[in-house]
Amino acid sequence: MKAQTPLVTVLMPVYNAEEFLIPAIDGILNQTYANFEFILINDGSTDRSEKIINSYSDPRIKYYSQNNVGVAKTLNNGIPLASGKYIWRHDADDICLPDKLEKQVAFLEQNKEYCLCATQVAFMTESGNVSWKFRQPKNAYFQDNKYVEVKREHFNPFSPITHATVLIKTEDLKNVNGYRTEFKTAEDVDLWLRLLHNHKAAVLNDCNYFVRLSKASATQKYGWKNKFYKDLAFQYFNQRAEGKKDDLQNGGSIVEPAAPDNVIPTRRPGREFRSDLLNFNYALHINAKDWAAVKEIILLSLKDGWKIKSTWRAILFPLLGEKTVQTGVKLKSLFR
């Protein structure tokens, strides 16, 4: 009998992901929707990633290895290998629930006018504790609808489409020539904006994918460059919206500006407020009840900012809880 052609190609770039690779692979192989091929591309890993991949015997797995070229180029290398009608790119350090693919396939098969659909995500700590309060897009984005059609104005301040949740029509991805590797980051935002000119995209009101926060993430690695490339993607969208080709389509290149002076601030022992730790990560780790990580964040924040009140407030208020803090504020106002 002729082998069944998979409807979906799952594409996973892998680079030094040994610590989290097993739960990521298992999450895909345990999907309730089983008609897929699973392409793993080892992007020049120097750890045990290859050994872990080769330990699996599932016939749906197809393994490729290459020299390190980065995520966007790896994904572009994987697109021609895909035989599925749809492609789902999955990160090598994240986790998904078993019904994720089944729900997305059903949506695209029933709503053929859409070229892609994404889902809501919840963030989890590096140790795997899920913070259900911290989601993207936020619950208010959906207004109790089963899904939302994505518009340009929804990309403010963040993209409503989380890259690793996207199930996309392979043909449409090929027609726009995949990812533009000139973008060192925000290559996914550029892709969604290029597709939105002629296609429809949706985000399903299902939280079934967990994004692991890691120090090796693009946000941590590129810092200020994220805003530059994201703004550039919007600039190119506006050029195309006027019926023109954007600068890259016209053969131009991207020239990065000089790094801002405040990227590496002058160190002031004991007086540095660690906003990178206390503004978002701290509250998320508390909500996820990852107390070992909470302790580490507190110690690092105090080491750099123990002399300033803002550090102590940022540490104590989330631990006390909103109701306790509000009660304290009311009591304080009574004695003024």
C-alpha atoms as a PDB file:
ATOM      1  CA  MET A   1       0.000   0.000   0.000  1.00  0.00           C
ATOM      2  CA  LYS A   2       1.134   3.544  -0.725  1.00  0.00           C
ATOM      3  CA  ALA A   3       2.206   5.425   2.395  1.00  0.00           C
ATOM      4  CA  GLN A   4      -0.134   8.207   3.470  1.00  0.00           C
ATOM      5  CA  THR A   5       1.142  11.692   2.654  1.00  0.00           C
ATOM      6  CA  PRO A   6       1.304  13.658   5.907  1.00  0.00           C
ATOM      7  CA  LEU A   7      -1.032  16.628   6.081  1.00  0.00           C
ATOM      8  CA  VAL A   8       1.321  18.499   8.429  1.00  0.00           C
ATOM      9  CA  THR A   9       5.074  18.981   8.579  1.00  0.00           C
ATOM     10  CA  VAL A  10       6.365  19.816  12.037  1.00  0.00           C
ATOM     11  CA  LEU A  11       9.642  21.695  11.701  1.00  0.00           C
ATOM     12  CA  MET A  12      11.984  22.026  14.677  1.00  0.00           C
ATOM     13  CA  PRO A  13      15.346  23.843  14.492  1.00  0.00           C
ATOM     14  CA  VAL A  14      17.668  22.527  17.194  1.00  0.00           C
ATOM     15  CA  TYR A  15      20.745  24.277  18.564  1.00  0.00           C
ATOM     16  CA  ASN A  16      22.326  23.132  21.848  1.00  0.00           C
ATOM     17  CA  ALA A  17      18.928  22.261  23.300  1.00  0.00           C
ATOM     18  CA  GLU A  18      19.829  19.094  25.230  1.00  0.00           C
ATOM     19  CA  GLU A  19      18.392  20.347  28.533  1.00  0.00           C
ATOM     20  CA  PHE A  20      14.836  20.772  27.208  1.00  0.00           C
ATOM     21  CA  LEU A  21      14.755  18.772  23.984  1.00  0.00           C
ATOM     22  CA  ILE A  22      13.123  15.582  25.313  1.00  0.00           C
ATOM     23  CA  PRO A  23       9.907  17.231  26.622  1.00  0.00           C
ATOM     24  CA  ALA A  24       9.696  19.313  23.427  1.00  0.00           C
ATOM     25  CA  ILE A  25       9.934  16.231  21.180  1.00  0.00           C
ATOM     26  CA  ASP A  26       7.609  14.192  23.384  1.00  0.00           C
ATOM     27  CA  GLY A  27       4.987  16.937  23.258  1.00  0.00           C
ATOM     28  CA  ILE A  28       4.884  16.663  19.477  1.00  0.00           C
ATOM     29  CA  LEU A  29       4.919  12.874  19.270  1.00  0.00           C
ATOM     30  CA  ASN A  30       2.054  12.734  21.796  1.00  0.00           C
ATOM     31  CA  GLN A  31      -0.273  14.945  19.741  1.00  0.00           C
ATOM     32  CA  THR A  32      -3.808  13.582  19.319  1.00  0.00           C
ATOM     33  CA  TYR A  33      -3.552  14.463  15.616  1.00  0.00           C
ATOM     34  CA  ALA A  34      -1.045  11.964  14.234  1.00  0.00           C
ATOM     35  CA  ASN A  35      -0.890  12.554  10.464  1.00  0.00           C
ATOM     36  CA  PHE A  36       2.352  14.506  10.410  1.00  0.00           C
ATOM     37  CA  GLU A  37       6.018  14.215   9.589  1.00  0.00           C
ATOM     38  CA  PHE A  38       8.493  15.598  12.087  1.00  0.00           C
ATOM     39  CA  ILE A  39      11.587  17.254  10.623  1.00  0.00           C
ATOM     40  CA  LEU A  40      14.359  18.070  13.088  1.00  0.00           C
ATOM     41  CA  ILE A  41      17.296  20.115  11.802  1.00  0.00           C
ATOM     42  CA  ASN A  42      20.373  20.146  13.995  1.00  0.00           C
ATOM     43  CA  ASP A  43      21.865  23.599  13.441  1.00  0.00           C
ATOM     44  CA  GLY A  44      25.450  22.742  14.374  1.00  0.00           C
ATOM     45  CA  SER A  45      24.839  21.769  18.010  1.00  0.00           C
ATOM     46  CA  THR A  46      27.903  20.966  20.099  1.00  0.00           C
ATOM     47  CA  ASP A  47      26.028  19.319  22.977  1.00  0.00           C
ATOM     48  CA  ARG A  48      24.081  16.018  23.205  1.00  0.00           C
ATOM     49  CA  SER A  49      21.183  17.195  20.998  1.00  0.00           C
ATOM     50  CA  GLU A  50      22.051  14.822  18.143  1.00  0.00           C
ATOM     51  CA  LYS A  51      22.340  11.833  20.484  1.00  0.00           C
ATOM     52  CA  ILE A  52      18.941  12.635  21.986  1.00  0.00           C
ATOM     53  CA  ILE A  53      17.267  12.914  18.572  1.00  0.00           C
ATOM     54  CA  ASN A  54      18.800   9.643  17.389  1.00  0.00           C
ATOM     55  CA  SER A  55      17.474   7.866  20.489  1.00  0.00           C
ATOM     56  CA  TYR A  56      13.942   8.117  19.047  1.00  0.00           C
ATOM     57  CA  SER A  57      12.637   5.469  16.632  1.00  0.00           C
ATOM     58  CA  ASP A  58       9.314   7.050  15.670  1.00  0.00           C
ATOM     59  CA  PRO A  59       8.948   6.659  11.861  1.00  0.00           C
ATOM     60  CA  ARG A  60       7.530  10.176  11.546  1.00  0.00           C
ATOM     61  CA  ILE A  61      10.904  11.670  12.521  1.00  0.00           C
ATOM     62  CA  LYS A  62      13.249  12.859   9.761  1.00  0.00           C
ATOM     63  CA  TYR A  63      16.621  14.099  10.954  1.00  0.00           C
ATOM     64  CA  TYR A  64      18.979  16.506   9.186  1.00  0.00           C
ATOM     65  CA  SER A  65      22.244  18.058  10.323  1.00  0.00           C
ATOM     66  CA  GLN A  66      24.026  21.192   9.125  1.00  0.00           C
ATOM     67  CA  ASN A  67      26.620  23.760  10.124  1.00  0.00           C
ATOM     68  CA  ASN A  68      25.316  26.558  12.335  1.00  0.00           C
ATOM     69  CA  VAL A  69      23.490  29.226  10.316  1.00  0.00           C
ATOM     70  CA  GLY A  70      20.850  30.550  12.727  1.00  0.00           C
ATOM     71  CA  VAL A  71      17.100  30.070  13.117  1.00  0.00           C
ATOM     72  CA  ALA A  72      15.764  31.929  10.057  1.00  0.00           C
ATOM     73  CA  LYS A  73      18.134  30.223   7.604  1.00  0.00           C
ATOM     74  CA  THR A  74      17.464  26.857   9.231  1.00  0.00           C
ATOM     75  CA  LEU A  75      13.724  27.319   8.787  1.00  0.00           C
ATOM     76  CA  ASN A  76      14.242  28.314   5.158  1.00  0.00           C
ATOM     77  CA  ASN A  77      16.332  25.169   4.670  1.00  0.00           C
ATOM     78  CA  GLY A  78      13.468  23.129   6.116  1.00  0.00           C
ATOM     79  CA  ILE A  79      10.661  24.540   3.972  1.00  0.00           C
ATOM     80  CA  PRO A  80      11.685  22.701   0.745  1.00  0.00           C
ATOM     81  CA  LEU A  81      11.904  19.452   2.753  1.00  0.00           C
ATOM     82  CA  ALA A  82       8.276  19.715   3.875  1.00  0.00           C
ATOM     83  CA  SER A  83       5.750  17.450   2.174  1.00  0.00           C
ATOM     84  CA  GLY A  84       2.778  18.524   4.305  1.00  0.00           C
ATOM     85  CA  LYS A  85       0.013  20.887   3.257  1.00  0.00           C
ATOM     86  CA  TYR A  86       0.728  22.794   6.455  1.00  0.00           C
ATOM     87  CA  ILE A  87       3.906  23.611   8.394  1.00  0.00           C
ATOM     88  CA  TRP A  88       4.146  24.015  12.157  1.00  0.00           C
ATOM     89  CA  ARG A  89       7.431  25.323  13.494  1.00  0.00           C
ATOM     90  CA  HIS A  90       8.057  24.312  17.124  1.00  0.00           C
ATOM     91  CA  ASP A  91      10.842  25.590  19.376  1.00  0.00           C
ATOM     92  CA  ALA A  92      13.241  23.042  20.855  1.00  0.00           C
ATOM     93  CA  ASP A  93      12.805  24.283  24.440  1.00  0.00           C
ATOM     94  CA  ASP A  94       9.030  24.799  24.633  1.00  0.00           C
ATOM     95  CA  ILE A  95       6.125  22.483  25.472  1.00  0.00           C
ATOM     96  CA  CYS A  96       2.679  22.047  23.895  1.00  0.00           C
ATOM     97  CA  LEU A  97      -0.520  20.330  25.002  1.00  0.00           C
ATOM     98  CA  PRO A  98      -1.641  17.155  23.161  1.00  0.00           C
ATOM     99  CA  ASP A  99      -4.674  18.684  21.397  1.00  0.00           C
ATOM    100  CA  LYS A 100      -2.913  21.729  19.943  1.00  0.00           C
ATOM    101  CA  LEU A 101      -2.348  20.434  16.421  1.00  0.00           C
ATOM    102  CA  GLU A 102      -5.778  18.779  16.196  1.00  0.00           C
ATOM    103  CA  LYS A 103      -7.547  22.074  16.935  1.00  0.00           C
ATOM    104  CA  GLN A 104      -5.473  24.083  14.476  1.00  0.00           C
ATOM    105  CA  VAL A 105      -5.821  21.586  11.636  1.00  0.00           C
ATOM    106  CA  ALA A 106      -9.585  21.560  12.163  1.00  0.00           C
ATOM    107  CA  PHE A 107      -9.695  25.367  12.022  1.00  0.00           C
ATOM    108  CA  LEU A 108      -7.722  25.706   8.786  1.00  0.00           C
ATOM    109  CA  GLU A 109      -9.573  22.844   7.103  1.00  0.00           C
ATOM    110  CA  GLN A 110     -12.899  24.459   8.004  1.00  0.00           C
ATOM    111  CA  ASN A 111     -11.830  28.060   7.289  1.00  0.00           C
ATOM    112  CA  LYS A 112      -9.923  27.811   4.035  1.00  0.00           C
ATOM    113  CA  GLU A 113      -9.770  31.584   3.549  1.00  0.00           C
ATOM    114  CA  TYR A 114      -7.113  31.717   6.301  1.00  0.00           C
ATOM    115  CA  CYS A 115      -3.482  31.024   5.467  1.00  0.00           C
ATOM    116  CA  LEU A 116      -2.392  30.540   9.078  1.00  0.00           C
ATOM    117  CA  CYS A 117      -3.612  30.280  12.622  1.00  0.00           C
ATOM    118  CA  ALA A 118      -1.747  30.737  15.882  1.00  0.00           C
ATOM    119  CA  THR A 119      -2.758  30.158  19.510  1.00  0.00           C
ATOM    120  CA  GLN A 120      -2.429  31.937  22.825  1.00  0.00           C
ATOM    121  CA  VAL A 121       0.628  31.049  24.890  1.00  0.00           C
ATOM    122  CA  ALA A 122       1.427  31.045  28.593  1.00  0.00           C
ATOM    123  CA  PHE A 123       4.961  31.661  29.788  1.00  0.00           C
ATOM    124  CA  MET A 124       6.849  29.190  31.931  1.00  0.00           C
ATOM    125  CA  THR A 125      10.048  29.402  33.898  1.00  0.00           C
ATOM    126  CA  GLU A 126      13.259  27.701  32.896  1.00  0.00           C
ATOM    127  CA  SER A 127      12.456  24.827  35.259  1.00  0.00           C
ATOM    128  CA  GLY A 128       9.065  24.293  33.577  1.00  0.00           C
ATOM    129  CA  ASN A 129       6.659  25.956  36.042  1.00  0.00           C
ATOM    130  CA  VAL A 130       3.773  27.505  34.073  1.00  0.00           C
ATOM    131  CA  SER A 131       2.594  31.034  34.880  1.00  0.00           C
ATOM    132  CA  TRP A 132      -1.043  31.013  33.766  1.00  0.00           C
ATOM    133  CA  LYS A 133      -1.494  34.714  34.572  1.00  0.00           C
ATOM    134  CA  PHE A 134       1.110  35.803  32.035  1.00  0.00           C
ATOM    135  CA  ARG A 135      -0.207  35.099  28.537  1.00  0.00           C
ATOM    136  CA  GLN A 136       0.263  36.431  25.042  1.00  0.00           C
ATOM    137  CA  PRO A 137      -2.029  37.738  23.658  1.00  0.00           C
ATOM    138  CA  LYS A 138      -3.809  38.698  26.868  1.00  0.00           C
ATOM    139  CA  ASN A 139      -7.282  37.282  27.466  1.00  0.00           C
ATOM    140  CA  ALA A 140      -8.843  40.696  26.762  1.00  0.00           C
ATOM    141  CA  TYR A 141      -7.615  40.481  23.158  1.00  0.00           C
ATOM    142  CA  PHE A 142     -10.199  37.797  22.381  1.00  0.00           C
ATOM    143  CA  GLN A 143     -13.225  39.415  24.099  1.00  0.00           C
ATOM    144  CA  ASP A 144     -14.665  35.912  24.598  1.00  0.00           C
ATOM    145  CA  ASN A 145     -14.493  35.142  20.850  1.00  0.00           C
ATOM    146  CA  LYS A 146     -13.271  31.720  19.735  1.00  0.00           C
ATOM    147  CA  TYR A 147     -10.687  33.396  17.508  1.00  0.00           C
ATOM    148  CA  VAL A 148      -9.607  36.840  16.286  1.00  0.00           C
ATOM    149  CA  GLU A 149      -8.641  37.785  12.749  1.00  0.00           C
ATOM    150  CA  VAL A 150      -5.285  39.546  12.956  1.00  0.00           C
ATOM    151  CA  LYS A 151      -4.963  43.113  11.659  1.00  0.00           C
ATOM    152  CA  ARG A 152      -1.945  45.398  11.309  1.00  0.00           C
ATOM    153  CA  GLU A 153      -3.117  47.535  14.242  1.00  0.00           C
ATOM    154  CA  HIS A 154      -3.000  44.513  16.552  1.00  0.00           C
ATOM    155  CA  PHE A 155       0.817  44.610  16.512  1.00  0.00           C
ATOM    156  CA  ASN A 156       0.954  47.139  19.331  1.00  0.00           C
ATOM    157  CA  PRO A 157       3.065  46.830  21.361  1.00  0.00           C
ATOM    158  CA  PHE A 158       3.599  43.105  20.720  1.00  0.00           C
ATOM    159  CA  SER A 159       2.784  40.730  17.896  1.00  0.00           C
ATOM    160  CA  PRO A 160      -0.440  38.803  18.640  1.00  0.00           C
ATOM    161  CA  ILE A 161       1.060  35.911  16.657  1.00  0.00           C
ATOM    162  CA  THR A 162       3.554  33.823  18.621  1.00  0.00           C
ATOM    163  CA  HIS A 163       5.928  32.297  16.094  1.00  0.00           C
ATOM    164  CA  ALA A 164       6.173  28.771  17.477  1.00  0.00           C
ATOM    165  CA  THR A 165       2.388  28.316  17.648  1.00  0.00           C
ATOM    166  CA  VAL A 166       1.747  29.018  13.967  1.00  0.00           C
ATOM    167  CA  LEU A 167       0.255  26.425  11.621  1.00  0.00           C
ATOM    168  CA  ILE A 168       0.646  27.836   8.110  1.00  0.00           C
ATOM    169  CA  LYS A 169      -0.143  26.729   4.581  1.00  0.00           C
ATOM    170  CA  THR A 170       3.101  25.518   3.024  1.00  0.00           C
ATOM    171  CA  GLU A 171       2.190  26.925  -0.381  1.00  0.00           C
ATOM    172  CA  ASP A 172       1.658  30.438   1.002  1.00  0.00           C
ATOM    173  CA  LEU A 173       4.928  30.295   2.933  1.00  0.00           C
ATOM    174  CA  LYS A 174       6.789  29.288  -0.217  1.00  0.00           C
ATOM    175  CA  ASN A 175       5.090  31.992  -2.292  1.00  0.00           C
ATOM    176  CA  VAL A 176       6.579  34.734  -0.105  1.00  0.00           C
ATOM    177  CA  ASN A 177       9.991  33.006  -0.149  1.00  0.00           C
ATOM    178  CA  GLY A 178       9.927  32.181   3.541  1.00  0.00           C
ATOM    179  CA  TYR A 179      11.853  34.236   6.054  1.00  0.00           C
ATOM    180  CA  ARG A 180      14.002  37.224   5.128  1.00  0.00           C
ATOM    181  CA  THR A 181      17.321  36.440   6.758  1.00  0.00           C
ATOM    182  CA  GLU A 182      18.391  40.089   6.640  1.00  0.00           C
ATOM    183  CA  PHE A 183      16.362  40.412   9.831  1.00  0.00           C
ATOM    184  CA  LYS A 184      18.580  39.342  12.739  1.00  0.00           C
ATOM    185  CA  THR A 185      15.465  39.315  14.909  1.00  0.00           C
ATOM    186  CA  ALA A 186      11.743  40.018  14.294  1.00  0.00           C
ATOM    187  CA  GLU A 187      11.972  37.944  11.111  1.00  0.00           C
ATOM    188  CA  ASP A 188       8.643  36.425  12.122  1.00  0.00           C
ATOM    189  CA  VAL A 189       6.949  39.839  12.468  1.00  0.00           C
ATOM    190  CA  ASP A 190       8.227  40.741   9.003  1.00  0.00           C
ATOM    191  CA  LEU A 191       6.795  37.480   7.648  1.00  0.00           C
ATOM    192  CA  TRP A 192       3.332  37.968   9.183  1.00  0.00           C
ATOM    193  CA  LEU A 193       3.151  41.539   7.892  1.00  0.00           C
ATOM    194  CA  ARG A 194       4.109  40.440   4.374  1.00  0.00           C
ATOM    195  CA  LEU A 195       1.416  37.763   4.441  1.00  0.00           C
ATOM    196  CA  LEU A 196      -1.286  40.113   5.731  1.00  0.00           C
ATOM    197  CA  HIS A 197      -1.321  42.086   2.474  1.00  0.00           C
ATOM    198  CA  ASN A 198      -3.024  39.237   0.605  1.00  0.00           C
ATOM    199  CA  HIS A 199      -3.966  36.650   3.230  1.00  0.00           C
ATOM    200  CA  LYS A 200      -5.954  36.263   6.426  1.00  0.00           C
ATOM    201  CA  ALA A 201      -4.472  35.137   9.741  1.00  0.00           C
ATOM    202  CA  ALA A 202      -6.160  34.170  12.995  1.00  0.00           C
ATOM    203  CA  VAL A 203      -5.257  33.632  16.636  1.00  0.00           C
ATOM    204  CA  LEU A 204      -7.331  30.933  18.336  1.00  0.00           C
ATOM    205  CA  ASN A 205      -8.595  31.476  21.864  1.00  0.00           C
ATOM    206  CA  ASP A 206      -6.800  28.368  23.139  1.00  0.00           C
ATOM    207  CA  CYS A 207      -3.852  28.464  25.537  1.00  0.00           C
ATOM    208  CA  ASN A 208      -2.044  25.245  24.672  1.00  0.00           C
ATOM    209  CA  TYR A 209       1.595  26.232  24.176  1.00  0.00           C
ATOM    210  CA  PHE A 210       4.114  27.167  26.863  1.00  0.00           C
ATOM    211  CA  VAL A 211       7.051  29.445  26.056  1.00  0.00           C
ATOM    212  CA  ARG A 212      10.095  28.821  28.221  1.00  0.00           C
ATOM    213  CA  LEU A 213      11.933  31.903  29.396  1.00  0.00           C
ATOM    214  CA  SER A 214      15.635  31.465  28.800  1.00  0.00           C
ATOM    215  CA  LYS A 215      18.700  33.674  29.002  1.00  0.00           C
ATOM    216  CA  ALA A 216      19.532  32.506  25.483  1.00  0.00           C
ATOM    217  CA  SER A 217      16.329  33.926  23.986  1.00  0.00           C
ATOM    218  CA  ALA A 218      16.511  36.406  21.126  1.00  0.00           C
ATOM    219  CA  THR A 219      15.153  39.131  23.414  1.00  0.00           C
ATOM    220  CA  GLN A 220      18.065  38.670  25.812  1.00  0.00           C
ATOM    221  CA  LYS A 221      20.629  38.203  23.068  1.00  0.00           C
ATOM    222  CA  TYR A 222      19.797  41.171  20.862  1.00  0.00           C
ATOM    223  CA  GLY A 223      18.382  43.669  23.384  1.00  0.00           C
ATOM    224  CA  TRP A 224      17.866  47.054  21.737  1.00  0.00           C
ATOM    225  CA  LYS A 225      18.031  45.527  18.246  1.00  0.00           C
ATOM    226  CA  ASN A 226      14.580  43.975  18.713  1.00  0.00           C
ATOM    227  CA  LYS A 227      12.897  47.378  18.526  1.00  0.00           C
ATOM    228  CA  PHE A 228      14.989  48.451  15.536  1.00  0.00           C
ATOM    229  CA  TYR A 229      14.074  45.393  13.448  1.00  0.00           C
ATOM    230  CA  LYS A 230      10.430  45.402  14.533  1.00  0.00           C
ATOM    231  CA  ASP A 231      10.081  49.094  13.594  1.00  0.00           C
ATOM    232  CA  LEU A 232      11.748  48.320  10.275  1.00  0.00           C
ATOM    233  CA  ALA A 233       9.205  45.565   9.569  1.00  0.00           C
ATOM    234  CA  PHE A 234       6.411  48.112  10.111  1.00  0.00           C
ATOM    235  CA  GLN A 235       8.193  50.636   7.884  1.00  0.00           C
ATOM    236  CA  TYR A 236       8.420  48.068   5.087  1.00  0.00           C
ATOM    237  CA  PHE A 237       4.738  47.174   5.578  1.00  0.00           C
ATOM    238  CA  ASN A 238       3.786  50.826   5.066  1.00  0.00           C
ATOM    239  CA  GLN A 239       5.850  51.000   1.872  1.00  0.00           C
ATOM    240  CA  ARG A 240       4.067  47.954   0.468  1.00  0.00           C
ATOM    241  CA  ALA A 241       0.673  49.270   1.603  1.00  0.00           C
ATOM    242  CA  GLU A 242       1.259  52.231  -0.723  1.00  0.00           C
ATOM    243  CA  GLY A 243       1.575  49.817  -3.637  1.00  0.00           C
ATOM    244  CA  LYS A 244       5.366  50.006  -3.754  1.00  0.00           C
ATOM    245  CA  LYS A 245       8.090  47.448  -3.188  1.00  0.00           C
ATOM    246  CA  ASP A 246       9.841  47.795   0.147  1.00  0.00           C
ATOM    247  CA  ASP A 247      13.534  48.631   0.352  1.00  0.00           C
ATOM    248  CA  LEU A 248      14.637  44.989   0.585  1.00  0.00           C
ATOM    249  CA  GLN A 249      12.469  43.997  -2.372  1.00  0.00           C
ATOM    250  CA  ASN A 250      14.150  46.789  -4.322  1.00  0.00           C
ATOM    251  CA  GLY A 251      17.558  45.256  -3.672  1.00  0.00           C
ATOM    252  CA  GLY A 252      18.493  47.364  -0.674  1.00  0.00           C
ATOM    253  CA  SER A 253      20.152  46.197   2.501  1.00  0.00           C
ATOM    254  CA  ILE A 254      19.657  46.758   6.216  1.00  0.00           C
ATOM    255  CA  VAL A 255      22.176  48.999   7.949  1.00  0.00           C
ATOM    256  CA  GLU A 256      22.026  48.817  11.721  1.00  0.00           C
ATOM    257  CA  PRO A 257      22.466  52.070  13.646  1.00  0.00           C
ATOM    258  CA  ALA A 258      25.156  52.417  16.251  1.00  0.00           C
ATOM    259  CA  ALA A 259      24.270  50.921  19.615  1.00  0.00           C
ATOM    260  CA  PRO A 260      22.713  53.482  21.996  1.00  0.00           C
ATOM    261  CA  ASP A 261      25.005  54.817  24.703  1.00  0.00           C
ATOM    262  CA  ASN A 262      22.881  53.396  27.502  1.00  0.00           C
ATOM    263  CA  VAL A 263      23.205  49.744  26.437  1.00  0.00           C
ATOM    264  CA  ILE A 264      26.080  49.321  28.899  1.00  0.00           C
ATOM    265  CA  PRO A 265      25.373  51.776  31.748  1.00  0.00           C
ATOM    266  CA  THR A 266      27.989  53.015  34.159  1.00  0.00           C
ATOM    267  CA  ARG A 267      28.026  50.669  37.141  1.00  0.00           C
ATOM    268  CA  ARG A 268      27.015  52.146  40.500  1.00  0.00           C
ATOM    269  CA  PRO A 269      27.541  49.494  43.176  1.00  0.00           C
ATOM    270  CA  GLY A 270      24.396  49.033  45.266  1.00  0.00           C
ATOM    271  CA  ARG A 271      22.392  51.623  43.308  1.00  0.00           C
ATOM    272  CA  GLU A 272      21.445  49.754  40.126  1.00  0.00           C
ATOM    273  CA  PHE A 273      17.759  48.932  39.752  1.00  0.00           C
ATOM    274  CA  ARG A 274      17.532  45.601  37.922  1.00  0.00           C
ATOM    275  CA  SER A 275      14.498  46.323  35.756  1.00  0.00           C
ATOM    276  CA  ASP A 276      15.408  43.338  33.555  1.00  0.00           C
ATOM    277  CA  LEU A 277      14.711  41.093  36.554  1.00  0.00           C
ATOM    278  CA  LEU A 278      12.102  42.940  38.595  1.00  0.00           C
ATOM    279  CA  ASN A 279       9.683  44.435  36.057  1.00  0.00           C
ATOM    280  CA  PHE A 280       8.407  41.227  34.412  1.00  0.00           C
ATOM    281  CA  ASN A 281      10.425  38.135  35.269  1.00  0.00           C
ATOM    282  CA  TYR A 282       9.984  38.492  39.019  1.00  0.00           C
ATOM    283  CA  ALA A 283       6.168  38.661  39.018  1.00  0.00           C
ATOM    284  CA  LEU A 284       5.991  35.844  36.484  1.00  0.00           C
ATOM    285  CA  HIS A 285       8.158  33.540  38.596  1.00  0.00           C
ATOM    286  CA  ILE A 286       6.086  34.310  41.685  1.00  0.00           C
ATOM    287  CA  ASN A 287       2.896  33.478  39.812  1.00  0.00           C
ATOM    288  CA  ALA A 288       4.498  30.239  38.605  1.00  0.00           C
ATOM    289  CA  LYS A 289       5.554  29.443  42.196  1.00  0.00           C
ATOM    290  CA  ASP A 290       9.134  28.834  41.092  1.00  0.00           C
ATOM    291  CA  TRP A 291      10.558  29.789  44.470  1.00  0.00           C
ATOM    292  CA  ALA A 292      14.137  28.768  43.718  1.00  0.00           C
ATOM    293  CA  ALA A 293      14.192  31.191  40.783  1.00  0.00           C
ATOM    294  CA  VAL A 294      12.426  33.878  42.860  1.00  0.00           C
ATOM    295  CA  LYS A 295      15.161  33.607  45.470  1.00  0.00           C
ATOM    296  CA  GLU A 296      17.854  33.911  42.795  1.00  0.00           C
ATOM    297  CA  ILE A 297      16.199  37.010  41.311  1.00  0.00           C
ATOM    298  CA  ILE A 298      15.968  38.621  44.766  1.00  0.00           C
ATOM    299  CA  LEU A 299      19.635  37.958  45.549  1.00  0.00           C
ATOM    300  CA  LEU A 300      20.816  39.300  42.183  1.00  0.00           C
ATOM    301  CA  SER A 301      18.611  42.395  42.492  1.00  0.00           C
ATOM    302  CA  LEU A 302      19.806  43.136  46.022  1.00  0.00           C
ATOM    303  CA  LYS A 303      23.427  42.607  45.065  1.00  0.00           C
ATOM    304  CA  ASP A 304      23.178  45.432  42.519  1.00  0.00           C
ATOM    305  CA  GLY A 305      20.541  47.667  44.124  1.00  0.00           C
ATOM    306  CA  TRP A 306      20.368  47.133  47.889  1.00  0.00           C
ATOM    307  CA  LYS A 307      20.957  50.834  48.599  1.00  0.00           C
ATOM    308  CA  ILE A 308      17.835  52.120  46.803  1.00  0.00           C
ATOM    309  CA  LYS A 309      14.206  52.004  47.981  1.00  0.00           C
ATOM    310  CA  SER A 310      12.808  51.099  44.573  1.00  0.00           C
ATOM    311  CA  THR A 311      14.584  47.726  44.704  1.00  0.00           C
ATOM    312  CA  TRP A 312      13.068  46.852  48.073  1.00  0.00           C
ATOM    313  CA  ARG A 313       9.581  47.978  46.989  1.00  0.00           C
ATOM    314  CA  ALA A 314       9.787  45.966  43.782  1.00  0.00           C
ATOM    315  CA  ILE A 315      10.768  42.882  45.773  1.00  0.00           C
ATOM    316  CA  LEU A 316       8.291  43.185  48.659  1.00  0.00           C
ATOM    317  CA  PHE A 317       5.066  44.351  46.956  1.00  0.00           C
ATOM    318  CA  PRO A 318       4.601  41.334  44.631  1.00  0.00           C
ATOM    319  CA  LEU A 319       5.289  38.996  47.565  1.00  0.00           C
ATOM    320  CA  LEU A 320       2.705  40.743  49.742  1.00  0.00           C
ATOM    321  CA  GLY A 321       0.033  40.626  47.052  1.00  0.00           C
ATOM    322  CA  GLU A 322      -2.178  43.368  45.581  1.00  0.00           C
ATOM    323  CA  LYS A 323      -4.833  43.283  48.349  1.00  0.00           C
ATOM    324  CA  THR A 324      -2.270  43.621  51.128  1.00  0.00           C
ATOM    325  CA  VAL A 325      -0.522  46.487  49.357  1.00  0.00           C
ATOM    326  CA  GLN A 326      -3.819  48.310  48.714  1.00  0.00           C
ATOM    327  CA  THR A 327      -4.805  47.915  52.363  1.00  0.00           C
ATOM    328  CA  GLY A 328      -1.446  49.326  53.425  1.00  0.00           C
ATOM    329  CA  VAL A 329      -1.843  52.317  51.126  1.00  0.00           C
ATOM    330  CA  LYS A 330      -5.307  53.068  52.553  1.00  0.00           C
ATOM    331  CA  LEU A 331      -4.047  52.835  56.126  1.00  0.00           C
ATOM    332  CA  LYS A 332      -1.132  55.094  55.327  1.00  0.00           C
ATOM    333  CA  SER A 333      -3.468  57.730  53.850  1.00  0.00           C
ATOM    334  CA  LEU A 334      -5.562  57.740  57.061  1.00  0.00           C
ATOM    335  CA  PHE A 335      -2.589  58.789  59.157  1.00  0.00           C
ATOM    336  CA  ARG A 336      -1.411  61.597  56.930  1.00  0.00           C
END
